Amino acid sequence: MTENDQVDDWERVGVRIREARVAAKISVRELARRIDVSSSHVSQVERGMASFSVRALYNVVSILGISMDSLFEESSRVPPTDAATGSERADELEVQGVVLRATARPVIPLGGGTRWERLTPHAESGAVFIEVVYPPNPSAPPPVDMVRHTGREYGVVIKGALTVQIGFERTVLRRGDSMAVDSEIPHRFWNATTGEVRAIWFIDDDQHDGTSTHHGTPVSGSQR
């Protein structure tokens, strides 16, 4: 993914945030006050010129009463190629919204180069299934903020070594290591290595009907 692609992705996220804020009849100043950032930062985010931290993003979806999944751009299908003819061929499972190709994943880019890639063809009610890519960040300090929200989350590292803090306890998850935790417990994840880290996350929040999948609360941007 190029830098221009990331800008385009965040511009789309910013438009969705603005639309939801206007629909909720909340001013830029009021939203900024509630998530503890400046009004100018909210304005820049909505215009695609800046991005929110993970903590701020969770808080925004809670305040606006929307799901995190709704911020992702719907996937743009890239048809597979017929090996014999080299031409595009239809894939009925893609058309039905069952299969999502890696090249068509909806993306949310975050500060510091971290990005979320949705693994479902469409937004899911009460659940988020994503791959998170953490760029190299040797000797990086922990994110300033810890995050907590409703639901329960499950993760597995598929590449690299990810530092995890749950409450007051820290550990490092390496390739193949996995975790499951109540999302109400303050937590933060970050890459402090010279290599890229990739992790698969599933966040289950079936106690809500999908109108507000996450309810983020600041505990102290940050990476997931």
Protein backbone atom coordinates (compact mmCIF):
# COMPACT_ATOMS: atom_id res chain seq x y z
CA MET A 1 0.00 0.00 0.00
CA THR A 2 1.39 3.39 -1.01
CA GLU A 3 1.29 6.61 1.00
CA ASN A 4 -1.30 7.98 -1.45
CA ASP A 5 -3.49 4.92 -0.85
CA GLN A 6 -3.35 5.55 2.91
CA VAL A 7 -4.33 9.20 2.41
CA ASP A 8 -7.27 8.17 0.21
CA ASP A 9 -8.38 5.59 2.78
CA TRP A 10 -8.32 8.11 5.62
CA GLU A 11 -10.15 10.71 3.51
CA ARG A 12 -12.98 8.19 3.16
CA VAL A 13 -12.92 7.51 6.91
CA GLY A 14 -13.00 11.27 7.57
CA VAL A 15 -16.04 11.71 5.34
CA ARG A 16 -17.88 8.94 7.19
CA ILE A 17 -17.03 10.50 10.56
CA ARG A 18 -18.27 13.90 9.40
CA GLU A 19 -21.51 12.43 8.04
CA ALA A 20 -22.15 10.59 11.32
CA ARG A 21 -21.32 13.69 13.38
CA VAL A 22 -23.69 15.86 11.35
CA ALA A 23 -26.42 13.21 11.60
CA ALA A 24 -25.94 13.12 15.38
CA LYS A 25 -26.19 16.95 15.46
CA ILE A 26 -22.87 17.29 17.29
CA SER A 27 -20.58 20.21 16.49
CA VAL A 28 -16.87 19.85 15.74
CA ARG A 29 -16.12 21.69 18.97
CA GLU A 30 -18.37 19.43 21.05
CA LEU A 31 -16.94 16.23 19.56
CA ALA A 32 -13.43 17.52 20.19
CA ARG A 33 -14.30 18.30 23.80
CA ARG A 34 -15.73 14.84 24.39
CA ILE A 35 -12.72 12.98 22.99
CA ASP A 36 -10.17 15.39 24.48
CA VAL A 37 -8.53 16.65 21.28
CA SER A 38 -8.50 20.07 19.62
CA SER A 39 -11.26 21.25 17.30
CA SER A 40 -8.70 21.80 14.58
CA HIS A 41 -7.61 18.16 14.84
CA VAL A 42 -11.19 16.92 14.40
CA SER A 43 -11.56 19.24 11.40
CA GLN A 44 -8.31 17.93 9.88
CA VAL A 45 -9.44 14.33 10.42
CA GLU A 46 -12.74 14.98 8.68
CA ARG A 47 -10.88 16.47 5.72
CA GLY A 48 -8.48 13.53 5.49
CA MET A 49 -5.48 15.58 6.61
CA ALA A 50 -4.91 13.76 9.91
CA SER A 51 -5.93 10.55 11.67
CA PHE A 52 -7.27 9.67 15.10
CA SER A 53 -5.48 7.51 17.62
CA VAL A 54 -7.03 4.16 18.50
CA ARG A 55 -8.39 5.59 21.75
CA ALA A 56 -9.94 8.58 19.99
CA LEU A 57 -11.42 6.38 17.27
CA TYR A 58 -13.12 4.08 19.79
CA ASN A 59 -14.52 7.11 21.61
CA VAL A 60 -15.78 8.68 18.38
CA VAL A 61 -17.78 5.63 17.32
CA SER A 62 -19.29 5.45 20.82
CA ILE A 63 -20.28 9.12 20.91
CA LEU A 64 -21.69 9.10 17.38
CA GLY A 65 -23.56 5.82 17.89
CA ILE A 66 -22.02 4.01 14.94
CA SER A 67 -20.08 0.79 14.52
CA MET A 68 -16.34 0.67 13.90
CA ASP A 69 -17.03 -1.48 10.86
CA SER A 70 -19.10 1.31 9.30
CA LEU A 71 -15.95 3.45 8.93
CA PHE A 72 -14.33 1.02 6.53
CA GLU A 73 -14.71 1.61 2.81
CA GLU A 74 -16.75 -1.19 1.27
CA SER A 75 -14.48 -3.59 -0.56
CA SER A 76 -13.78 -2.96 -4.23
CA ARG A 77 -13.85 -6.39 -5.79
CA VAL A 78 -10.76 -7.40 -7.76
CA PRO A 79 -11.82 -10.45 -9.81
CA PRO A 80 -9.41 -13.39 -9.91
CA THR A 81 -7.73 -14.22 -13.21
CA ASP A 82 -8.37 -17.35 -15.23
CA ALA A 83 -5.03 -19.13 -15.42
CA ALA A 84 -5.74 -20.53 -18.89
CA THR A 85 -6.88 -17.36 -20.64
CA GLY A 86 -5.44 -14.60 -18.46
CA SER A 87 -8.84 -12.92 -18.42
CA GLU A 88 -10.98 -12.00 -15.45
CA ARG A 89 -13.54 -14.57 -14.38
CA ALA A 90 -16.55 -14.20 -12.15
CA ASP A 91 -16.46 -15.71 -8.67
CA GLU A 92 -19.94 -16.38 -7.33
CA LEU A 93 -18.78 -16.49 -3.69
CA GLU A 94 -17.35 -12.98 -4.04
CA VAL A 95 -20.57 -11.79 -5.64
CA GLN A 96 -22.52 -13.29 -2.74
CA GLY A 97 -20.32 -11.48 -0.21
CA VAL A 98 -18.85 -14.68 1.22
CA VAL A 99 -15.26 -14.33 -0.01
CA LEU A 100 -13.05 -11.24 0.25
CA ARG A 101 -9.81 -11.16 -1.74
CA ALA A 102 -6.67 -9.86 -0.06
CA THR A 103 -6.32 -7.19 -2.74
CA ALA A 104 -9.79 -5.80 -1.96
CA ARG A 105 -9.63 -5.44 1.83
CA PRO A 106 -11.16 -2.24 3.24
CA VAL A 107 -8.52 -0.33 5.22
CA ILE A 108 -8.32 2.22 8.03
CA PRO A 109 -4.82 3.77 8.30
CA LEU A 110 -3.84 5.03 11.76
CA GLY A 111 -1.12 7.29 13.12
CA GLY A 112 2.43 6.02 12.95
CA GLY A 113 1.79 3.82 9.93
CA THR A 114 -0.34 1.20 11.70
CA ARG A 115 -3.30 0.06 9.64
CA TRP A 116 -6.43 -2.02 10.12
CA GLU A 117 -7.53 -4.28 7.26
CA ARG A 118 -11.06 -5.65 7.52
CA LEU A 119 -11.30 -9.37 6.77
CA THR A 120 -15.05 -9.53 6.12
CA PRO A 121 -16.62 -8.56 2.79
CA HIS A 122 -19.22 -6.42 4.58
CA ALA A 123 -19.67 -4.81 7.98
CA GLU A 124 -20.75 -7.32 10.63
CA SER A 125 -23.26 -6.57 13.38
CA GLY A 126 -21.68 -6.86 16.83
CA ALA A 127 -18.29 -8.10 15.62
CA VAL A 128 -15.10 -6.86 13.98
CA PHE A 129 -12.64 -9.21 12.24
CA ILE A 130 -9.42 -7.47 11.17
CA GLU A 131 -5.73 -7.89 10.46
CA VAL A 132 -3.62 -5.17 12.07
CA VAL A 133 -0.25 -4.30 10.53
CA TYR A 134 2.26 -2.59 12.83
CA PRO A 135 5.28 -1.04 11.06
CA PRO A 136 8.82 -1.39 12.45
CA ASN A 137 9.33 0.91 15.43
CA PRO A 138 12.51 -0.12 17.27
CA SER A 139 12.62 0.69 20.98
CA ALA A 140 9.31 2.56 20.75
CA PRO A 141 7.73 3.56 24.08
CA PRO A 142 4.24 2.28 24.89
CA PRO A 143 1.32 4.26 23.44
CA VAL A 144 0.37 7.15 25.70
CA ASP A 145 -3.19 5.89 26.11
CA MET A 146 -4.68 2.59 27.14
CA VAL A 147 -8.02 1.60 25.63
CA ARG A 148 -11.07 -0.18 26.97
CA HIS A 149 -14.45 -0.85 25.41
CA THR A 150 -17.33 -3.28 25.62
CA GLY A 151 -17.02 -6.87 24.40
CA ARG A 152 -14.30 -9.48 24.30
CA GLU A 153 -11.40 -9.72 21.89
CA TYR A 154 -9.27 -12.52 20.56
CA GLY A 155 -5.92 -12.16 18.81
CA VAL A 156 -3.13 -14.20 17.25
CA VAL A 157 0.22 -12.89 16.04
CA ILE A 158 1.11 -14.22 12.59
CA LYS A 159 4.35 -12.28 12.07
CA GLY A 160 6.87 -10.60 14.36
CA ALA A 161 6.71 -9.83 18.08
CA LEU A 162 3.97 -7.66 19.59
CA THR A 163 4.18 -6.15 23.06
CA VAL A 164 0.92 -6.43 24.96
CA GLN A 165 -0.16 -4.75 28.19
CA ILE A 166 -3.36 -5.88 29.89
CA GLY A 167 -4.03 -3.92 33.07
CA PHE A 168 -0.68 -3.72 34.85
CA GLU A 169 0.81 -6.83 33.25
CA ARG A 170 2.98 -6.94 30.11
CA THR A 171 4.19 -9.69 27.84
CA VAL A 172 5.39 -10.22 24.27
CA LEU A 173 3.39 -12.28 21.81
CA ARG A 174 5.41 -13.94 19.06
CA ARG A 175 4.34 -15.74 15.91
CA GLY A 176 1.67 -18.27 16.78
CA ASP A 177 0.99 -16.86 20.25
CA SER A 178 -2.62 -15.92 20.93
CA MET A 179 -4.75 -14.21 23.56
CA ALA A 180 -8.34 -13.68 24.68
CA VAL A 181 -9.35 -10.86 27.00
CA ASP A 182 -12.32 -8.90 28.31
CA SER A 183 -12.11 -5.62 26.40
CA GLU A 184 -13.27 -3.66 29.47
CA ILE A 185 -9.82 -4.25 30.96
CA PRO A 186 -7.48 -1.35 30.00
CA HIS A 187 -5.09 -2.55 27.31
CA ARG A 188 -2.57 -1.42 24.71
CA PHE A 189 -0.52 -3.18 22.03
CA TRP A 190 2.58 -1.95 20.21
CA ASN A 191 5.54 -2.96 18.08
CA ALA A 192 8.94 -2.04 19.53
CA THR A 193 11.00 -4.12 17.09
CA THR A 194 12.88 -3.55 13.83
CA GLY A 195 10.48 -5.76 11.90
CA GLU A 196 6.86 -5.53 10.81
CA VAL A 197 4.26 -7.18 13.05
CA ARG A 198 0.97 -8.62 11.83
CA ALA A 199 -1.84 -9.85 14.05
CA ILE A 200 -5.39 -11.10 13.47
CA TRP A 201 -8.03 -9.70 15.85
CA PHE A 202 -11.64 -10.66 16.39
CA ILE A 203 -13.71 -8.36 18.63
CA ASP A 204 -17.04 -9.78 19.77
CA ASP A 205 -19.63 -7.38 21.14
CA ASP A 206 -22.86 -9.34 20.83
CA GLN A 207 -24.43 -7.52 23.78
CA HIS A 208 -25.22 -4.66 21.35
CA ASP A 209 -27.39 -4.64 18.26
CA GLY A 210 -24.72 -3.24 15.95
CA THR A 211 -25.77 0.41 16.14
CA SER A 212 -22.77 1.11 18.34
CA THR A 213 -20.31 -1.75 18.19
CA HIS A 214 -17.64 -0.15 20.39
CA HIS A 215 -17.77 2.12 23.37
CA GLY A 216 -14.26 3.36 23.91
CA THR A 217 -13.15 4.99 27.15
CA PRO A 218 -9.80 6.74 27.62
CA VAL A 219 -7.75 5.41 30.50
CA SER A 220 -4.83 7.64 30.68
CA GLY A 221 -2.23 8.65 19.50
CA SER A 222 -1.77 5.15 20.11
CA GLN A 223 -1.48 1.90 18.24
CA ARG A 224 -3.92 -0.88 18.82
